[in-house]
Every structure is written in C-alpha cells, then in structure tokens.
Amino acid sequence: MDSALPSNELHWLAGLLEGEGTFMTGPPSSPGLPVIAVNMTDHDVMARLGRIFGRKVHELKPRNARWRTSYQVRVNGSAAVRWMTVLRPLMGSRRQGQIDRALASYAPRPVALLTDEAARAALDDLLGGASVKSVAERFGVSVWCIYDLRLGRTFKHLARERIVATGGEQPP
C-alpha cells in the first residue's frame, strides 16, 4: 500500500469500492486471508485501480457473445487488511459491516512466530528427511508455515507484514 496516496485518490478509491467493491473473507482454501475484489467492464477505471493497489488487472472473457469483456482486480491477505483498515472510516455502514466481517476472519499464518534459529533448525529437519507435518508439530506451527519455509519465504519479510497489518510500527 502506498502510504503517500493523495487524499483525492484515496477518496476516489473509497467511492469506487463503495459502489463496485466487495470485501469478504477468504475462499475455502484460505479462509483466514480476507479479499477485496472489484469486477467491471471499464478498463480505464480498472487500470487506475490496479495502479493504486499495485496489482495486475485480469481480463475475464465473456461467457456470452453479446456480453462485454470484464476486468477484475483482487487484493488479498495482509495487503487487503491494510487497505480495509485505511478505507473503513470512509465507507458506508453496509461496507463497514463487510469490512468488519472480513477483518474478523483474518488469521495470518504463524510463520512469523519462528525465530531465525528455529527456522534454520526446521530446515535442517526437512533436509534430513522429516515430514512437513512432523516439523510443524515439533515447532508448534501450522504446516503452511513449514511450506512457506520450504519455499524460501523469509521470516523477517512475513513478520514485517504481520506487524503492519496489525497497525504496529514496521521494523527497519
């Protein structure tokens, strides 16, 4: 999220999302990662939204030949939480209710709970042939935490996301 977003851009964004946006809990595969989604047929509006959110605009082909092509922009997880937190005061009561439900569902993956030392030990276990499940149980984290570790995601980056999402200060 660009903290230097001009007030007029922020209010434009709030107006667009009030009319066309959806604030929701995550899909069944990631119920703890809230989503902001917008679908519409106006490519220029969606391109501007994509620039603000720092996300790609996805083209959705029409299912019927008489329909127009539509476009979608989605933000999920901690980025969606940050945007919802900033936008909530600017939204109407119905959208605030959607945001509140989405924020209540937020469950960041506990990967940030591992210290660098524990992360190295977990990686050693994985390299030694231990299963993801057994490593997760040993360190008291979810299997997703260990998958993130195995995929090379850094803990400091994820810890920083969690701190920002909860409104704390971002570490250097």
Protein backbone atom coordinates (compact mmCIF):
# COMPACT_ATOMS: atom_id res chain seq x y z
CA MET A 1 0.00 0.00 0.00
CA ASP A 2 1.32 3.40 -0.92
CA SER A 3 1.23 5.49 2.25
CA ALA A 4 1.76 8.61 0.14
CA LEU A 5 -1.58 8.17 -1.66
CA PRO A 6 -3.06 11.65 -2.17
CA SER A 7 -6.32 12.36 -0.37
CA ASN A 8 -8.24 12.75 -3.63
CA GLU A 9 -7.03 9.31 -4.82
CA LEU A 10 -8.00 7.73 -1.51
CA HIS A 11 -11.47 9.26 -1.70
CA TRP A 12 -11.83 8.19 -5.35
CA LEU A 13 -10.87 4.66 -4.28
CA ALA A 14 -13.37 4.69 -1.40
CA GLY A 15 -16.13 5.86 -3.74
CA LEU A 16 -15.34 3.18 -6.31
CA LEU A 17 -15.24 0.43 -3.69
CA GLU A 18 -18.44 1.69 -2.05
CA GLY A 19 -20.26 1.18 -5.34
CA GLU A 20 -18.39 -1.66 -7.04
CA GLY A 21 -16.16 -3.33 -4.45
CA THR A 22 -16.55 -6.45 -2.39
CA PHE A 23 -14.92 -7.00 0.99
CA MET A 24 -15.04 -10.64 2.02
CA THR A 25 -13.48 -13.46 3.95
CA GLY A 26 -11.07 -15.60 2.01
CA PRO A 27 -12.04 -18.60 -0.12
CA PRO A 28 -12.38 -22.07 1.43
CA SER A 29 -8.74 -22.80 0.62
CA SER A 30 -7.59 -19.71 2.61
CA PRO A 31 -10.50 -18.61 4.83
CA GLY A 32 -8.25 -16.52 7.07
CA LEU A 33 -6.99 -14.28 4.25
CA PRO A 34 -9.55 -11.54 3.50
CA VAL A 35 -10.12 -10.30 -0.05
CA ILE A 36 -11.01 -7.03 -1.73
CA ALA A 37 -12.34 -7.61 -5.24
CA VAL A 38 -13.70 -5.38 -7.98
CA ASN A 39 -15.16 -6.54 -11.31
CA MET A 40 -16.33 -4.17 -14.02
CA THR A 41 -16.24 -3.58 -17.77
CA ASP A 42 -14.48 -0.20 -17.69
CA HIS A 43 -10.86 -0.97 -18.46
CA ASP A 44 -9.58 2.56 -17.77
CA VAL A 45 -11.10 2.57 -14.27
CA MET A 46 -9.70 -0.89 -13.56
CA ALA A 47 -6.25 0.15 -14.81
CA ARG A 48 -6.27 3.06 -12.36
CA LEU A 49 -7.40 0.74 -9.57
CA GLY A 50 -4.66 -1.73 -10.47
CA ARG A 51 -2.05 1.03 -10.24
CA ILE A 52 -3.31 2.15 -6.83
CA PHE A 53 -3.41 -1.40 -5.44
CA GLY A 54 -0.19 -2.41 -7.18
CA ARG A 55 -1.98 -5.37 -8.72
CA LYS A 56 -2.48 -6.78 -12.19
CA VAL A 57 -5.80 -6.25 -13.96
CA HIS A 58 -7.20 -9.61 -15.08
CA GLU A 59 -9.27 -9.79 -18.23
CA LEU A 60 -12.34 -12.01 -17.97
CA LYS A 61 -13.70 -13.26 -21.27
CA PRO A 62 -17.47 -13.06 -21.58
CA ARG A 63 -19.40 -16.33 -21.41
CA ASN A 64 -21.96 -14.98 -23.86
CA ALA A 65 -21.01 -13.39 -27.23
CA ARG A 66 -23.35 -10.45 -26.56
CA TRP A 67 -21.65 -9.55 -23.26
CA ARG A 68 -18.72 -7.20 -22.87
CA THR A 69 -15.31 -8.22 -21.60
CA SER A 70 -14.96 -7.52 -17.90
CA TYR A 71 -11.91 -6.89 -15.75
CA GLN A 72 -11.01 -7.86 -12.21
CA VAL A 73 -8.59 -6.62 -9.58
CA ARG A 74 -8.13 -8.52 -6.32
CA VAL A 75 -6.09 -7.85 -3.20
CA ASN A 76 -5.87 -10.50 -0.50
CA GLY A 77 -4.23 -11.31 2.79
CA SER A 78 -2.29 -8.74 4.76
CA ALA A 79 -2.41 -6.21 1.89
CA ALA A 80 -6.23 -6.41 1.89
CA VAL A 81 -6.25 -5.99 5.67
CA ARG A 82 -4.12 -2.83 5.42
CA TRP A 83 -6.39 -1.35 2.74
CA MET A 84 -9.56 -2.26 4.65
CA THR A 85 -8.20 -0.60 7.77
CA VAL A 86 -7.43 2.62 5.89
CA LEU A 87 -10.69 2.66 3.93
CA ARG A 88 -13.15 1.63 6.65
CA PRO A 89 -13.78 5.16 8.06
CA LEU A 90 -14.63 6.40 4.55
CA MET A 91 -17.21 3.70 3.81
CA GLY A 92 -20.94 3.46 4.44
CA SER A 93 -22.39 1.23 7.15
CA ARG A 94 -23.04 -1.72 4.83
CA ARG A 95 -19.45 -1.78 3.55
CA GLN A 96 -18.12 -1.21 7.08
CA GLY A 97 -20.03 -4.33 8.11
CA GLN A 98 -18.43 -6.30 5.26
CA ILE A 99 -15.00 -5.00 6.26
CA ASP A 100 -15.60 -5.88 9.92
CA ARG A 101 -16.54 -9.47 8.98
CA ALA A 102 -13.54 -9.79 6.69
CA LEU A 103 -11.14 -8.37 9.30
CA ALA A 104 -12.59 -10.68 11.98
CA SER A 105 -11.71 -13.66 9.77
CA TYR A 106 -8.07 -12.60 9.36
CA ALA A 107 -5.71 -15.28 10.61
CA PRO A 108 -2.17 -14.60 9.44
CA ARG A 109 -0.09 -17.69 9.09
CA PRO A 110 2.08 -18.15 12.17
CA VAL A 111 5.29 -18.27 10.14
CA ALA A 112 6.38 -15.04 11.81
CA LEU A 113 6.39 -16.85 15.16
CA LEU A 114 9.53 -18.81 14.29
CA THR A 115 12.83 -17.26 15.22
CA ASP A 116 15.64 -17.37 12.69
CA GLU A 117 17.30 -20.08 14.80
CA ALA A 118 14.12 -22.19 14.86
CA ALA A 119 13.69 -21.67 11.12
CA ARG A 120 17.20 -22.97 10.49
CA ALA A 121 16.55 -25.99 12.72
CA ALA A 122 13.25 -26.68 10.91
CA LEU A 123 15.04 -26.51 7.57
CA ASP A 124 17.67 -28.93 8.85
CA ASP A 125 14.89 -31.34 9.85
CA LEU A 126 13.31 -31.06 6.40
CA LEU A 127 16.66 -31.62 4.69
CA GLY A 128 17.19 -34.62 6.96
CA GLY A 129 14.04 -36.21 5.58
CA ALA A 130 11.45 -35.27 8.22
CA SER A 131 7.90 -34.74 7.02
CA VAL A 132 6.35 -31.29 6.88
CA LYS A 133 3.72 -32.41 9.39
CA SER A 134 6.27 -33.68 11.93
CA VAL A 135 8.35 -30.49 11.64
CA ALA A 136 5.25 -28.34 12.12
CA GLU A 137 4.27 -30.32 15.20
CA ARG A 138 7.79 -30.09 16.64
CA PHE A 139 7.85 -26.29 16.35
CA GLY A 140 4.18 -25.73 17.19
CA VAL A 141 3.24 -24.03 13.92
CA SER A 142 0.94 -24.86 11.04
CA VAL A 143 2.07 -26.98 8.12
CA TRP A 144 1.63 -23.83 5.99
CA CYS A 145 4.39 -22.20 8.00
CA ILE A 146 6.71 -25.05 7.12
CA TYR A 147 5.63 -24.98 3.46
CA ASP A 148 6.47 -21.25 3.43
CA LEU A 149 9.85 -22.04 4.94
CA ARG A 150 10.49 -24.81 2.42
CA LEU A 151 9.59 -22.45 -0.42
CA GLY A 152 12.23 -19.99 0.79
CA ARG A 153 9.98 -17.24 2.05
CA THR A 154 11.85 -15.13 4.55
CA PHE A 155 10.63 -14.78 8.08
CA LYS A 156 11.60 -11.14 8.51
CA HIS A 157 9.50 -10.16 5.49
CA LEU A 158 6.46 -12.05 6.79
CA ALA A 159 6.92 -10.71 10.30
CA ARG A 160 7.02 -7.18 8.87
CA GLU A 161 3.73 -7.84 7.00
CA ARG A 162 2.10 -9.05 10.20
CA ILE A 163 3.23 -6.02 12.19
CA VAL A 164 1.98 -3.62 9.51
CA ALA A 165 -1.34 -5.48 9.22
CA THR A 166 -1.94 -5.13 12.95
CA GLY A 167 -1.15 -1.41 12.93
CA GLY A 168 2.20 -1.60 14.70
CA GLU A 169 5.41 0.03 13.65
CA GLN A 170 7.29 -1.57 10.81
CA PRO A 171 10.79 -2.73 11.80
CA PRO A 172 13.78 -1.44 9.81
